[in-house]
Amino acid sequence: VARAMKNMCLSQLYLVEPKKYPHDEATWRAASAGDVL
């Protein structure tokens, strides 16, 4: 989701009670959108 957001110039991500976060897989899947995370 962070990657999809950055593709379209969105930056504000709010997470309501995520099951597993922070997590290495989230960081890996974000690719170059780590700043959004």
Full PDB file with SEQRES, HELIX, SHEET, SSBOND, CRYST1, ORIGX, SCALE, CONECT and MASTER records, all heavy atoms in Angstrom:
SEQRES   1 A   37  VAL ALA ARG ALA MET LYS ASN MET CYS LEU SER GLN LEU          
SEQRES   2 A   37  TYR LEU VAL GLU PRO LYS LYS TYR PRO HIS ASP GLU ALA          
SEQRES   3 A   37  THR TRP ARG ALA ALA SER ALA GLY ASP VAL LEU                  
HELIX    1 AA1 ALA A    2  ASN A    7  1                                   6    
HELIX    2 AA2 ASP A   24  ALA A   30  1                                   7    
CRYST1    1.000    1.000    1.000  90.00  90.00  90.00 P 1           1          
ORIGX1      1.000000  0.000000  0.000000        0.00000                         
ORIGX2      0.000000  1.000000  0.000000        0.00000                         
ORIGX3      0.000000  0.000000  1.000000        0.00000                         
SCALE1      1.000000  0.000000  0.000000        0.00000                         
SCALE2      0.000000  1.000000  0.000000        0.00000                         
SCALE3      0.000000  0.000000  1.000000        0.00000                         
ATOM      1  N   VAL A   1       0.842  -1.196   0.000  1.00  0.00           N  
ATOM      2  CA  VAL A   1       0.000   0.000   0.000  1.00  0.00           C  
ATOM      3  C   VAL A   1       0.879   1.250   0.000  1.00  0.00           C  
ATOM      4  O   VAL A   1       0.609   2.214  -0.729  1.00  0.00           O  
ATOM      5  CB  VAL A   1      -0.952   0.002   1.210  1.00  0.00           C  
ATOM      6  CG1 VAL A   1      -1.544   1.388   1.428  1.00  0.00           C  
ATOM      7  CG2 VAL A   1      -2.071  -1.013   1.015  1.00  0.00           C  
ATOM      8  N   ALA A   2       1.945   1.242   0.807  1.00  0.00           N  
ATOM      9  CA  ALA A   2       2.861   2.389   0.845  1.00  0.00           C  
ATOM     10  C   ALA A   2       3.442   2.651  -0.539  1.00  0.00           C  
ATOM     11  O   ALA A   2       3.560   3.808  -0.978  1.00  0.00           O  
ATOM     12  CB  ALA A   2       3.971   2.142   1.865  1.00  0.00           C  
ATOM     13  N   ARG A   3       3.787   1.583  -1.240  1.00  0.00           N  
ATOM     14  CA  ARG A   3       4.347   1.731  -2.594  1.00  0.00           C  
ATOM     15  C   ARG A   3       3.312   2.300  -3.547  1.00  0.00           C  
ATOM     16  O   ARG A   3       3.612   3.199  -4.353  1.00  0.00           O  
ATOM     17  CB  ARG A   3       4.850   0.382  -3.081  1.00  0.00           C  
ATOM     18  CG  ARG A   3       5.555   0.437  -4.426  1.00  0.00           C  
ATOM     19  CD  ARG A   3       6.184  -0.900  -4.753  1.00  0.00           C  
ATOM     20  NE  ARG A   3       6.903  -0.842  -6.018  1.00  0.00           N  
ATOM     21  CZ  ARG A   3       7.622  -1.842  -6.515  1.00  0.00           C  
ATOM     22  NH1 ARG A   3       7.734  -2.976  -5.837  1.00  0.00           N  
ATOM     23  NH2 ARG A   3       8.243  -1.713  -7.670  1.00  0.00           N  
ATOM     24  N   ALA A   4       2.083   1.796  -3.465  1.00  0.00           N  
ATOM     25  CA  ALA A   4       1.002   2.295  -4.329  1.00  0.00           C  
ATOM     26  C   ALA A   4       0.739   3.767  -4.064  1.00  0.00           C  
ATOM     27  O   ALA A   4       0.505   4.555  -4.986  1.00  0.00           O  
ATOM     28  CB  ALA A   4      -0.269   1.475  -4.102  1.00  0.00           C  
ATOM     29  N   MET A   5       0.790   4.147  -2.790  1.00  0.00           N  
ATOM     30  CA  MET A   5       0.575   5.542  -2.432  1.00  0.00           C  
ATOM     31  C   MET A   5       1.644   6.451  -3.026  1.00  0.00           C  
ATOM     32  O   MET A   5       1.338   7.485  -3.624  1.00  0.00           O  
ATOM     33  CB  MET A   5       0.558   5.697  -0.905  1.00  0.00           C  
ATOM     34  CG  MET A   5      -0.654   5.093  -0.210  1.00  0.00           C  
ATOM     35  SD  MET A   5      -0.468   5.105   1.592  1.00  0.00           S  
ATOM     36  CE  MET A   5      -0.267   6.878   1.910  1.00  0.00           C  
ATOM     37  N   LYS A   6       2.904   6.061  -2.857  1.00  0.00           N  
ATOM     38  CA  LYS A   6       3.988   6.914  -3.348  1.00  0.00           C  
ATOM     39  C   LYS A   6       3.956   7.020  -4.870  1.00  0.00           C  
ATOM     40  O   LYS A   6       4.296   8.067  -5.434  1.00  0.00           O  
ATOM     41  CB  LYS A   6       5.334   6.393  -2.870  1.00  0.00           C  
ATOM     42  CG  LYS A   6       6.470   7.376  -3.147  1.00  0.00           C  
ATOM     43  CD  LYS A   6       7.721   7.069  -2.366  1.00  0.00           C  
ATOM     44  CE  LYS A   6       8.780   8.146  -2.606  1.00  0.00           C  
ATOM     45  NZ  LYS A   6      10.007   7.904  -1.809  1.00  0.00           N  
ATOM     46  N   ASN A   7       3.540   5.966  -5.559  1.00  0.00           N  
ATOM     47  CA  ASN A   7       3.379   6.026  -7.011  1.00  0.00           C  
ATOM     48  C   ASN A   7       2.470   7.176  -7.431  1.00  0.00           C  
ATOM     49  O   ASN A   7       2.655   7.778  -8.486  1.00  0.00           O  
ATOM     50  CB  ASN A   7       2.772   4.721  -7.541  1.00  0.00           C  
ATOM     51  CG  ASN A   7       3.750   3.563  -7.585  1.00  0.00           C  
ATOM     52  OD1 ASN A   7       3.340   2.411  -7.520  1.00  0.00           O  
ATOM     53  ND2 ASN A   7       5.044   3.839  -7.678  1.00  0.00           N  
ATOM     54  N   MET A   8       1.469   7.468  -6.595  1.00  0.00           N  
ATOM     55  CA  MET A   8       0.462   8.469  -6.935  1.00  0.00           C  
ATOM     56  C   MET A   8       0.569   9.740  -6.080  1.00  0.00           C  
ATOM     57  O   MET A   8      -0.386  10.493  -5.951  1.00  0.00           O  
ATOM     58  CB  MET A   8      -0.946   7.859  -6.800  1.00  0.00           C  
ATOM     59  CG  MET A   8      -1.178   6.691  -7.736  1.00  0.00           C  
ATOM     60  SD  MET A   8      -1.042   7.196  -9.480  1.00  0.00           S  
ATOM     61  CE  MET A   8      -0.319   5.714 -10.194  1.00  0.00           C  
ATOM     62  N   CYS A   9       1.750   9.947  -5.478  1.00  0.00           N  
ATOM     63  CA  CYS A   9       2.044  11.185  -4.733  1.00  0.00           C  
ATOM     64  C   CYS A   9       1.224  11.355  -3.460  1.00  0.00           C  
ATOM     65  O   CYS A   9       0.938  12.477  -3.040  1.00  0.00           O  
ATOM     66  CB  CYS A   9       1.867  12.414  -5.619  1.00  0.00           C  
ATOM     67  SG  CYS A   9       2.970  12.445  -7.047  1.00  0.00           S  
ATOM     68  N   LEU A  10       0.844  10.244  -2.824  1.00  0.00           N  
ATOM     69  CA  LEU A  10       0.179  10.292  -1.520  1.00  0.00           C  
ATOM     70  C   LEU A  10       1.191   9.920  -0.442  1.00  0.00           C  
ATOM     71  O   LEU A  10       2.070   9.091  -0.669  1.00  0.00           O  
ATOM     72  CB  LEU A  10      -1.014   9.343  -1.473  1.00  0.00           C  
ATOM     73  CG  LEU A  10      -2.136   9.621  -2.475  1.00  0.00           C  
ATOM     74  CD1 LEU A  10      -3.222   8.567  -2.359  1.00  0.00           C  
ATOM     75  CD2 LEU A  10      -2.726  11.016  -2.270  1.00  0.00           C  
ATOM     76  N   SER A  11       1.049  10.498   0.723  1.00  0.00           N  
ATOM     77  CA  SER A  11       2.074  10.268   1.746  1.00  0.00           C  
ATOM     78  C   SER A  11       1.531   9.978   3.144  1.00  0.00           C  
ATOM     79  O   SER A  11       2.259   9.500   3.997  1.00  0.00           O  
ATOM     80  CB  SER A  11       2.993  11.491   1.839  1.00  0.00           C  
ATOM     81  OG  SER A  11       2.252  12.651   2.173  1.00  0.00           O  
ATOM     82  N   GLN A  12       0.258  10.256   3.393  1.00  0.00           N  
ATOM     83  CA  GLN A  12      -0.286  10.088   4.750  1.00  0.00           C  
ATOM     84  C   GLN A  12      -0.915   8.712   4.912  1.00  0.00           C  
ATOM     85  O   GLN A  12      -1.993   8.448   4.384  1.00  0.00           O  
ATOM     86  CB  GLN A  12      -1.319  11.172   5.052  1.00  0.00           C  
ATOM     87  CG  GLN A  12      -0.729  12.561   5.165  1.00  0.00           C  
ATOM     88  CD  GLN A  12      -1.685  13.510   5.863  1.00  0.00           C  
ATOM     89  OE1 GLN A  12      -2.174  13.236   6.948  1.00  0.00           O  
ATOM     90  NE2 GLN A  12      -1.971  14.631   5.228  1.00  0.00           N  
ATOM     91  N   LEU A  13      -0.251   7.847   5.670  1.00  0.00           N  
ATOM     92  CA  LEU A  13      -0.732   6.485   5.915  1.00  0.00           C  
ATOM     93  C   LEU A  13      -1.080   6.330   7.388  1.00  0.00           C  
ATOM     94  O   LEU A  13      -0.244   6.578   8.268  1.00  0.00           O  
ATOM     95  CB  LEU A  13       0.332   5.470   5.509  1.00  0.00           C  
ATOM     96  CG  LEU A  13       0.030   3.994   5.786  1.00  0.00           C  
ATOM     97  CD1 LEU A  13      -1.234   3.542   5.046  1.00  0.00           C  
ATOM     98  CD2 LEU A  13       1.219   3.114   5.388  1.00  0.00           C  
ATOM     99  N   TYR A  14      -2.312   5.925   7.653  1.00  0.00           N  
ATOM    100  CA  TYR A  14      -2.787   5.687   9.021  1.00  0.00           C  
ATOM    101  C   TYR A  14      -3.138   4.200   9.154  1.00  0.00           C  
ATOM    102  O   TYR A  14      -3.852   3.650   8.309  1.00  0.00           O  
ATOM    103  CB  TYR A  14      -4.016   6.533   9.327  1.00  0.00           C  
ATOM    104  CG  TYR A  14      -3.709   7.987   9.624  1.00  0.00           C  
ATOM    105  CD1 TYR A  14      -3.150   8.822   8.652  1.00  0.00           C  
ATOM    106  CD2 TYR A  14      -3.984   8.537  10.871  1.00  0.00           C  
ATOM    107  CE1 TYR A  14      -2.861  10.154   8.913  1.00  0.00           C  
ATOM    108  CE2 TYR A  14      -3.701   9.870  11.148  1.00  0.00           C  
ATOM    109  CZ  TYR A  14      -3.146  10.672  10.170  1.00  0.00           C  
ATOM    110  OH  TYR A  14      -2.863  11.995  10.445  1.00  0.00           O  
ATOM    111  N   LEU A  15      -2.653   3.578  10.213  1.00  0.00           N  
ATOM    112  CA  LEU A  15      -2.871   2.145  10.443  1.00  0.00           C  
ATOM    113  C   LEU A  15      -3.650   1.958  11.737  1.00  0.00           C  
ATOM    114  O   LEU A  15      -3.186   2.350  12.813  1.00  0.00           O  
ATOM    115  CB  LEU A  15      -1.529   1.415  10.529  1.00  0.00           C  
ATOM    116  CG  LEU A  15      -0.575   1.606   9.346  1.00  0.00           C  
ATOM    117  CD1 LEU A  15       0.771   0.969   9.640  1.00  0.00           C  
ATOM    118  CD2 LEU A  15      -1.180   1.035   8.067  1.00  0.00           C  
ATOM    119  N   VAL A  16      -4.824   1.347  11.624  1.00  0.00           N  
ATOM    120  CA  VAL A  16      -5.659   1.099  12.800  1.00  0.00           C  
ATOM    121  C   VAL A  16      -5.444  -0.339  13.269  1.00  0.00           C  
ATOM    122  O   VAL A  16      -5.828  -1.286  12.591  1.00  0.00           O  
ATOM    123  CB  VAL A  16      -7.147   1.340  12.494  1.00  0.00           C  
ATOM    124  CG1 VAL A  16      -8.004   1.062  13.736  1.00  0.00           C  
ATOM    125  CG2 VAL A  16      -7.372   2.749  12.001  1.00  0.00           C  
ATOM    126  N   GLU A  17      -4.782  -0.484  14.392  1.00  0.00           N  
ATOM    127  CA  GLU A  17      -4.516  -1.794  14.997  1.00  0.00           C  
ATOM    128  C   GLU A  17      -4.056  -2.845  13.990  1.00  0.00           C  
ATOM    129  O   GLU A  17      -4.715  -3.880  13.816  1.00  0.00           O  
ATOM    130  CB  GLU A  17      -5.760  -2.300  15.743  1.00  0.00           C  
ATOM    131  CG  GLU A  17      -6.099  -1.496  16.983  1.00  0.00           C  
ATOM    132  CD  GLU A  17      -7.150  -2.177  17.841  1.00  0.00           C  
ATOM    133  OE1 GLU A  17      -8.150  -2.686  17.288  1.00  0.00           O  
ATOM    134  OE2 GLU A  17      -6.967  -2.218  19.067  1.00  0.00           O  
ATOM    135  N   PRO A  18      -2.962  -2.612  13.293  1.00  0.00           N  
ATOM    136  CA  PRO A  18      -2.450  -3.645  12.377  1.00  0.00           C  
ATOM    137  C   PRO A  18      -2.024  -4.880  13.158  1.00  0.00           C  
ATOM    138  O   PRO A  18      -1.544  -4.768  14.295  1.00  0.00           O  
ATOM    139  CB  PRO A  18      -1.255  -2.949  11.714  1.00  0.00           C  
ATOM    140  CG  PRO A  18      -0.816  -1.924  12.709  1.00  0.00           C  
ATOM    141  CD  PRO A  18      -2.068  -1.440  13.387  1.00  0.00           C  
ATOM    142  N   LYS A  19      -2.201  -6.057  12.576  1.00  0.00           N  
ATOM    143  CA  LYS A  19      -1.881  -7.312  13.281  1.00  0.00           C  
ATOM    144  C   LYS A  19      -0.382  -7.474  13.505  1.00  0.00           C  
ATOM    145  O   LYS A  19       0.049  -7.913  14.570  1.00  0.00           O  
ATOM    146  CB  LYS A  19      -2.423  -8.506  12.486  1.00  0.00           C  
ATOM    147  CG  LYS A  19      -3.919  -8.486  12.257  1.00  0.00           C  
ATOM    148  CD  LYS A  19      -4.704  -8.547  13.550  1.00  0.00           C  
ATOM    149  CE  LYS A  19      -6.207  -8.611  13.269  1.00  0.00           C  
ATOM    150  NZ  LYS A  19      -7.003  -8.611  14.511  1.00  0.00           N  
ATOM    151  N   LYS A  20       0.406  -7.114  12.489  1.00  0.00           N  
ATOM    152  CA  LYS A  20       1.867  -7.264  12.583  1.00  0.00           C  
ATOM    153  C   LYS A  20       2.532  -6.031  11.966  1.00  0.00           C  
ATOM    154  O   LYS A  20       2.671  -5.932  10.750  1.00  0.00           O  
ATOM    155  CB  LYS A  20       2.343  -8.530  11.853  1.00  0.00           C  
ATOM    156  CG  LYS A  20       1.819  -9.829  12.424  1.00  0.00           C  
ATOM    157  CD  LYS A  20       2.312 -11.015  11.591  1.00  0.00           C  
ATOM    158  CE  LYS A  20       1.767 -12.331  12.131  1.00  0.00           C  
ATOM    159  NZ  LYS A  20       2.240 -13.477  11.297  1.00  0.00           N  
ATOM    160  N   TYR A  21       2.916  -5.117  12.831  1.00  0.00           N  
ATOM    161  CA  TYR A  21       3.592  -3.911  12.337  1.00  0.00           C  
ATOM    162  C   TYR A  21       4.229  -3.192  13.511  1.00  0.00           C  
ATOM    163  O   TYR A  21       3.597  -3.083  14.556  1.00  0.00           O  
ATOM    164  CB  TYR A  21       2.609  -2.988  11.628  1.00  0.00           C  
ATOM    165  CG  TYR A  21       3.303  -1.827  10.960  1.00  0.00           C  
ATOM    166  CD1 TYR A  21       3.894  -1.976   9.713  1.00  0.00           C  
ATOM    167  CD2 TYR A  21       3.410  -0.592  11.601  1.00  0.00           C  
ATOM    168  CE1 TYR A  21       4.570  -0.923   9.105  1.00  0.00           C  
ATOM    169  CE2 TYR A  21       4.084   0.458  11.007  1.00  0.00           C  
ATOM    170  CZ  TYR A  21       4.662   0.288   9.769  1.00  0.00           C  
ATOM    171  OH  TYR A  21       5.335   1.316   9.175  1.00  0.00           O  
ATOM    172  N   PRO A  22       5.480  -2.739  13.327  1.00  0.00           N  
ATOM    173  CA  PRO A  22       6.339  -2.835  12.140  1.00  0.00           C  
ATOM    174  C   PRO A  22       6.809  -4.269  11.884  1.00  0.00           C  
ATOM    175  O   PRO A  22       6.809  -5.105  12.791  1.00  0.00           O  
ATOM    176  CB  PRO A  22       7.510  -1.913  12.474  1.00  0.00           C  
ATOM    177  CG  PRO A  22       7.542  -1.864  13.960  1.00  0.00           C  
ATOM    178  CD  PRO A  22       6.132  -1.988  14.426  1.00  0.00           C  
ATOM    179  N   HIS A  23       7.212  -4.513  10.653  1.00  0.00           N  
ATOM    180  CA  HIS A  23       7.598  -5.866  10.254  1.00  0.00           C  
ATOM    181  C   HIS A  23       8.523  -5.772   9.042  1.00  0.00           C  
ATOM    182  O   HIS A  23       8.354  -4.903   8.184  1.00  0.00           O  
ATOM    183  CB  HIS A  23       6.346  -6.680   9.907  1.00  0.00           C  
ATOM    184  CG  HIS A  23       6.577  -8.152   9.838  1.00  0.00           C  
ATOM    185  ND1 HIS A  23       7.131  -8.768   8.727  1.00  0.00           N  
ATOM    186  CD2 HIS A  23       6.326  -9.143  10.746  1.00  0.00           C  
ATOM    187  CE1 HIS A  23       7.186 -10.070   8.952  1.00  0.00           C  
ATOM    188  NE2 HIS A  23       6.708 -10.324  10.175  1.00  0.00           N  
ATOM    189  N   ASP A  24       9.499  -6.688   8.977  1.00  0.00           N  
ATOM    190  CA  ASP A  24      10.467  -6.670   7.869  1.00  0.00           C  
ATOM    191  C   ASP A  24       9.787  -6.818   6.515  1.00  0.00           C  
ATOM    192  O   ASP A  24      10.229  -6.230   5.510  1.00  0.00           O  
ATOM    193  CB  ASP A  24      11.503  -7.789   8.052  1.00  0.00           C  
ATOM    194  CG  ASP A  24      12.460  -7.503   9.199  1.00  0.00           C  
ATOM    195  OD1 ASP A  24      12.527  -6.333   9.628  1.00  0.00           O  
ATOM    196  OD2 ASP A  24      13.133  -8.446   9.662  1.00  0.00           O  
ATOM    197  N   GLU A  25       8.713  -7.625   6.454  1.00  0.00           N  
ATOM    198  CA  GLU A  25       8.043  -7.843   5.174  1.00  0.00           C  
ATOM    199  C   GLU A  25       7.397  -6.556   4.668  1.00  0.00           C  
ATOM    200  O   GLU A  25       7.378  -6.302   3.453  1.00  0.00           O  
ATOM    201  CB  GLU A  25       6.988  -8.945   5.290  1.00  0.00           C  
ATOM    202  CG  GLU A  25       6.401  -9.341   3.933  1.00  0.00           C  
ATOM    203  CD  GLU A  25       5.475 -10.531   4.007  1.00  0.00           C  
ATOM    204  OE1 GLU A  25       5.374 -11.148   5.100  1.00  0.00           O  
ATOM    205  OE2 GLU A  25       4.845 -10.842   2.982  1.00  0.00           O  
ATOM    206  N   ALA A  26       6.885  -5.744   5.581  1.00  0.00           N  
ATOM    207  CA  ALA A  26       6.313  -4.462   5.175  1.00  0.00           C  
ATOM    208  C   ALA A  26       7.385  -3.577   4.560  1.00  0.00           C  
ATOM    209  O   ALA A  26       7.177  -2.945   3.520  1.00  0.00           O  
ATOM    210  CB  ALA A  26       5.667  -3.765   6.378  1.00  0.00           C  
ATOM    211  N   THR A  27       8.544  -3.555   5.191  1.00  0.00           N  
ATOM    212  CA  THR A  27       9.655  -2.741   4.687  1.00  0.00           C  
ATOM    213  C   THR A  27      10.114  -3.227   3.321  1.00  0.00           C  
ATOM    214  O   THR A  27      10.359  -2.434   2.403  1.00  0.00           O  
ATOM    215  CB  THR A  27      10.827  -2.782   5.678  1.00  0.00           C  
ATOM    216  OG1 THR A  27      10.375  -2.327   6.958  1.00  0.00           O  
ATOM    217  CG2 THR A  27      11.974  -1.913   5.210  1.00  0.00           C  
ATOM    218  N   TRP A  28      10.202  -4.548   3.179  1.00  0.00           N  
ATOM    219  CA  TRP A  28      10.662  -5.130   1.903  1.00  0.00           C  
ATOM    220  C   TRP A  28       9.677  -4.847   0.780  1.00  0.00           C  
ATOM    221  O   TRP A  28      10.065  -4.455  -0.324  1.00  0.00           O  
ATOM    222  CB  TRP A  28      10.848  -6.634   2.081  1.00  0.00           C  
ATOM    223  CG  TRP A  28      11.194  -7.340   0.816  1.00  0.00           C  
ATOM    224  CD1 TRP A  28      12.393  -7.340   0.165  1.00  0.00           C  
ATOM    225  CD2 TRP A  28      10.305  -8.160   0.030  1.00  0.00           C  
ATOM    226  NE1 TRP A  28      12.319  -8.102  -0.972  1.00  0.00           N  
ATOM    227  CE2 TRP A  28      11.056  -8.618  -1.081  1.00  0.00           C  
ATOM    228  CE3 TRP A  28       8.990  -8.557   0.162  1.00  0.00           C  
ATOM    229  CZ2 TRP A  28      10.496  -9.444  -2.057  1.00  0.00           C  
ATOM    230  CZ3 TRP A  28       8.422  -9.375  -0.801  1.00  0.00           C  
ATOM    231  CH2 TRP A  28       9.182  -9.815  -1.904  1.00  0.00           C  
ATOM    232  N   ARG A  29       8.380  -5.001   1.056  1.00  0.00           N  
ATOM    233  CA  ARG A  29       7.361  -4.793   0.022  1.00  0.00           C  
ATOM    234  C   ARG A  29       7.213  -3.315  -0.351  1.00  0.00           C  
ATOM    235  O   ARG A  29       6.762  -2.992  -1.446  1.00  0.00           O  
ATOM    236  CB  ARG A  29       6.005  -5.336   0.499  1.00  0.00           C  
ATOM    237  CG  ARG A  29       5.910  -6.847   0.558  1.00  0.00           C  
ATOM    238  CD  ARG A  29       5.867  -7.494  -0.813  1.00  0.00           C  
ATOM    239  NE  ARG A  29       4.740  -7.059  -1.615  1.00  0.00           N  
ATOM    240  CZ  ARG A  29       3.505  -7.548  -1.515  1.00  0.00           C  
ATOM    241  NH1 ARG A  29       3.245  -8.511  -0.628  1.00  0.00           N  
ATOM    242  NH2 ARG A  29       2.536  -7.095  -2.282  1.00  0.00           N  
ATOM    243  N   ALA A  30       7.598  -2.430   0.550  1.00  0.00           N  
ATOM    244  CA  ALA A  30       7.477  -1.002   0.261  1.00  0.00           C  
ATOM    245  C   ALA A  30       8.500  -0.542  -0.764  1.00  0.00           C  
ATOM    246  O   ALA A  30       8.323   0.506  -1.388  1.00  0.00           O  
ATOM    247  CB  ALA A  30       7.622  -0.190   1.544  1.00  0.00           C  
ATOM    248  N   ALA A  31       9.577  -1.314  -0.943  1.00  0.00           N  
ATOM    249  CA  ALA A  31      10.641  -0.946  -1.897  1.00  0.00           C  
ATOM    250  C   ALA A  31      11.167   0.447  -1.579  1.00  0.00           C  
ATOM    251  O   ALA A  31      11.662   0.688  -0.494  1.00  0.00           O  
ATOM    252  CB  ALA A  31      10.130  -1.060  -3.325  1.00  0.00           C  
ATOM    253  N   SER A  32      11.033   1.372  -2.495  1.00  0.00           N  
ATOM    254  CA  SER A  32      11.568   2.727  -2.289  1.00  0.00           C  
ATOM    255  C   SER A  32      10.569   3.675  -1.630  1.00  0.00           C  
ATOM    256  O   SER A  32      10.770   4.890  -1.632  1.00  0.00           O  
ATOM    257  CB  SER A  32      12.002   3.313  -3.636  1.00  0.00           C  
ATOM    258  OG  SER A  32      13.063   2.547  -4.194  1.00  0.00           O  
ATOM    259  N   ALA A  33       9.503   3.120  -1.073  1.00  0.00           N  
ATOM    260  CA  ALA A  33       8.502   3.950  -0.383  1.00  0.00           C  
ATOM    261  C   ALA A  33       8.654   3.836   1.126  1.00  0.00           C  
ATOM    262  O   ALA A  33       7.684   3.998   1.870  1.00  0.00           O  
ATOM    263  CB  ALA A  33       7.093   3.543  -0.811  1.00  0.00           C  
ATOM    264  N   GLY A  34       9.878   3.591   1.566  1.00  0.00           N  
ATOM    265  CA  GLY A  34      10.127   3.463   3.000  1.00  0.00           C  
ATOM    266  C   GLY A  34       9.786   4.716   3.778  1.00  0.00           C  
ATOM    267  O   GLY A  34       9.414   4.648   4.960  1.00  0.00           O  
ATOM    268  N   ASP A  35       9.880   5.885   3.129  1.00  0.00           N  
ATOM    269  CA  ASP A  35       9.554   7.132   3.822  1.00  0.00           C  
ATOM    270  C   ASP A  35       8.073   7.204   4.193  1.00  0.00           C  
ATOM    271  O   ASP A  35       7.707   7.778   5.219  1.00  0.00           O  
ATOM    272  CB  ASP A  35       9.943   8.338   2.970  1.00  0.00           C  
ATOM    273  CG  ASP A  35       9.337   8.294   1.572  1.00  0.00           C  
ATOM    274  OD1 ASP A  35       9.155   7.187   1.032  1.00  0.00           O  
ATOM    275  OD2 ASP A  35       9.051   9.376   1.017  1.00  0.00           O  
ATOM    276  N   VAL A  36       7.218   6.583   3.366  1.00  0.00           N  
ATOM    277  CA  VAL A  36       5.788   6.551   3.686  1.00  0.00           C  
ATOM    278  C   VAL A  36       5.563   5.697   4.932  1.00  0.00           C  
ATOM    279  O   VAL A  36       4.789   6.065   5.829  1.00  0.00           O  
ATOM    280  CB  VAL A  36       4.965   6.014   2.500  1.00  0.00           C  
ATOM    281  CG1 VAL A  36       3.487   5.893   2.871  1.00  0.00           C  
ATOM    282  CG2 VAL A  36       5.131   6.914   1.283  1.00  0.00           C  
ATOM    283  N   LEU A  37       6.252   4.556   5.011  1.00  0.00           N  
ATOM    284  CA  LEU A  37       6.147   3.706   6.198  1.00  0.00           C  
ATOM    285  C   LEU A  37       6.699   4.408   7.434  1.00  0.00           C  
ATOM    286  O   LEU A  37       6.124   4.327   8.521  1.00  0.00           O  
ATOM    287  CB  LEU A  37       6.899   2.390   5.982  1.00  0.00           C  
ATOM    288  CG  LEU A  37       6.275   1.337   5.075  1.00  0.00           C  
ATOM    289  CD1 LEU A  37       7.140   0.082   5.071  1.00  0.00           C  
ATOM    290  CD2 LEU A  37       4.864   0.992   5.526  1.00  0.00           C  
TER     291      LEU A  37                                                      
MASTER        0    0    0    2    0    0    0    6  290    1    0    3          
END                                                                             
